[in-house]
């Protein structure tokens, strides 16, 4: 949960998790035309404000309520 949807590197496939067998770290499909958005944003209804929310979007588009996380290892 946060201020914007989190854009992640996984490809999106609507029914992917219904066929997934290994739940340790599912990566999603190996190809696709949409990337995954996780979480929710300040703009959305509360139904979208959960880390379990997973939507698809076209990665070459930009939105005011989509971002990504930067991580720096010590």
C-alpha atoms as a PDB file:
ATOM      1  CA  UNK A   1       0.000   0.000   0.000  1.00  0.00           C
ATOM      2  CA  UNK A   2       1.245   3.462  -0.692  1.00  0.00           C
ATOM      3  CA  UNK A   3       0.830   6.660  -2.624  1.00  0.00           C
ATOM      4  CA  UNK A   4       0.983   5.127  -6.104  1.00  0.00           C
ATOM      5  CA  UNK A   5       0.511   1.758  -7.761  1.00  0.00           C
ATOM      6  CA  UNK A   6       3.852  -0.053  -7.891  1.00  0.00           C
ATOM      7  CA  UNK A   7       5.034  -0.970 -11.376  1.00  0.00           C
ATOM      8  CA  UNK A   8       6.900  -4.299 -11.298  1.00  0.00           C
ATOM      9  CA  UNK A   9       8.900  -6.189 -13.921  1.00  0.00           C
ATOM     10  CA  UNK A  10       6.580  -9.227 -14.129  1.00  0.00           C
ATOM     11  CA  UNK A  11       4.484  -9.760 -17.212  1.00  0.00           C
ATOM     12  CA  UNK A  12       0.715  -9.744 -16.620  1.00  0.00           C
ATOM     13  CA  UNK A  13      -1.620 -12.612 -17.445  1.00  0.00           C
ATOM     14  CA  UNK A  14      -5.077 -12.397 -15.889  1.00  0.00           C
ATOM     15  CA  UNK A  15      -5.453 -16.083 -14.978  1.00  0.00           C
ATOM     16  CA  UNK A  16      -1.765 -16.884 -14.333  1.00  0.00           C
ATOM     17  CA  UNK A  17      -2.075 -17.560 -10.609  1.00  0.00           C
ATOM     18  CA  UNK A  18      -4.980 -19.961 -11.066  1.00  0.00           C
ATOM     19  CA  UNK A  19      -2.572 -22.301 -12.905  1.00  0.00           C
ATOM     20  CA  UNK A  20       0.568 -21.652 -10.799  1.00  0.00           C
ATOM     21  CA  UNK A  21       2.069 -24.725  -9.096  1.00  0.00           C
ATOM     22  CA  UNK A  22       5.095 -23.217  -7.302  1.00  0.00           C
ATOM     23  CA  UNK A  23       4.035 -20.519  -4.821  1.00  0.00           C
ATOM     24  CA  UNK A  24       7.496 -19.867  -3.300  1.00  0.00           C
ATOM     25  CA  UNK A  25       8.241 -17.019  -5.692  1.00  0.00           C
ATOM     26  CA  UNK A  26       5.946 -16.976  -8.725  1.00  0.00           C
ATOM     27  CA  UNK A  27       7.477 -14.874 -11.499  1.00  0.00           C
ATOM     28  CA  UNK A  28       4.501 -14.661 -13.813  1.00  0.00           C
ATOM     29  CA  UNK A  29       4.543 -15.619 -17.489  1.00  0.00           C
ATOM     30  CA  UNK A  30       7.816 -15.315 -19.432  1.00  0.00           C
ATOM     31  CA  UNK A  31       6.354 -12.973 -22.081  1.00  0.00           C
ATOM     32  CA  UNK A  32       3.381 -10.694 -22.575  1.00  0.00           C
ATOM     33  CA  UNK A  33       2.241  -7.248 -23.657  1.00  0.00           C
ATOM     34  CA  UNK A  34       1.266  -5.860 -20.242  1.00  0.00           C
ATOM     35  CA  UNK A  35       3.300  -5.443 -17.043  1.00  0.00           C
ATOM     36  CA  UNK A  36       1.994  -5.881 -13.497  1.00  0.00           C
ATOM     37  CA  UNK A  37       0.819  -3.105 -11.181  1.00  0.00           C
ATOM     38  CA  UNK A  38       0.657  -3.921  -7.453  1.00  0.00           C
ATOM     39  CA  UNK A  39      -1.004  -2.230  -4.504  1.00  0.00           C
ATOM     40  CA  UNK A  40      -3.108   0.851  -5.059  1.00  0.00           C
ATOM     41  CA  UNK A  41      -2.829   4.616  -5.239  1.00  0.00           C
ATOM     42  CA  UNK A  42      -4.165   7.752  -3.602  1.00  0.00           C
ATOM     43  CA  UNK A  43      -6.581   8.061  -6.514  1.00  0.00           C
ATOM     44  CA  UNK A  44      -8.295   4.673  -6.161  1.00  0.00           C
ATOM     45  CA  UNK A  45     -11.221   3.306  -4.173  1.00  0.00           C
ATOM     46  CA  UNK A  46     -10.302   1.412  -0.996  1.00  0.00           C
ATOM     47  CA  UNK A  47     -10.971  -1.926  -2.707  1.00  0.00           C
ATOM     48  CA  UNK A  48      -7.651  -1.426  -4.581  1.00  0.00           C
ATOM     49  CA  UNK A  49      -5.602  -0.526  -1.491  1.00  0.00           C
ATOM     50  CA  UNK A  50      -4.070  -3.931  -0.826  1.00  0.00           C
ATOM     51  CA  UNK A  51      -0.726  -5.549  -1.608  1.00  0.00           C
ATOM     52  CA  UNK A  52      -2.655  -8.470  -3.105  1.00  0.00           C
ATOM     53  CA  UNK A  53      -4.121  -6.296  -5.873  1.00  0.00           C
ATOM     54  CA  UNK A  54      -2.542  -7.143  -9.224  1.00  0.00           C
ATOM     55  CA  UNK A  55      -3.523  -5.398 -12.449  1.00  0.00           C
ATOM     56  CA  UNK A  56      -2.097  -5.241 -15.962  1.00  0.00           C
ATOM     57  CA  UNK A  57      -1.029  -2.109 -17.826  1.00  0.00           C
ATOM     58  CA  UNK A  58       0.858  -1.222 -20.983  1.00  0.00           C
ATOM     59  CA  UNK A  59       4.413  -0.428 -19.879  1.00  0.00           C
ATOM     60  CA  UNK A  60       5.001   2.191 -22.565  1.00  0.00           C
ATOM     61  CA  UNK A  61       2.263   4.392 -21.068  1.00  0.00           C
ATOM     62  CA  UNK A  62       2.636   6.730 -18.086  1.00  0.00           C
ATOM     63  CA  UNK A  63       0.111   7.483 -15.373  1.00  0.00           C
ATOM     64  CA  UNK A  64       0.072  10.019 -12.540  1.00  0.00           C
ATOM     65  CA  UNK A  65      -0.701   7.295  -9.984  1.00  0.00           C
ATOM     66  CA  UNK A  66       1.937   4.699 -11.028  1.00  0.00           C
ATOM     67  CA  UNK A  67       5.532   4.551  -9.811  1.00  0.00           C
ATOM     68  CA  UNK A  68       8.283   2.102  -8.871  1.00  0.00           C
ATOM     69  CA  UNK A  69      10.499   1.423  -5.867  1.00  0.00           C
ATOM     70  CA  UNK A  70      14.224   2.079  -5.710  1.00  0.00           C
ATOM     71  CA  UNK A  71      16.239  -0.144  -3.408  1.00  0.00           C
ATOM     72  CA  UNK A  72      19.811   0.396  -2.267  1.00  0.00           C
ATOM     73  CA  UNK A  73      21.652  -2.423  -0.545  1.00  0.00           C
ATOM     74  CA  UNK A  74      24.061  -1.388   2.210  1.00  0.00           C
END
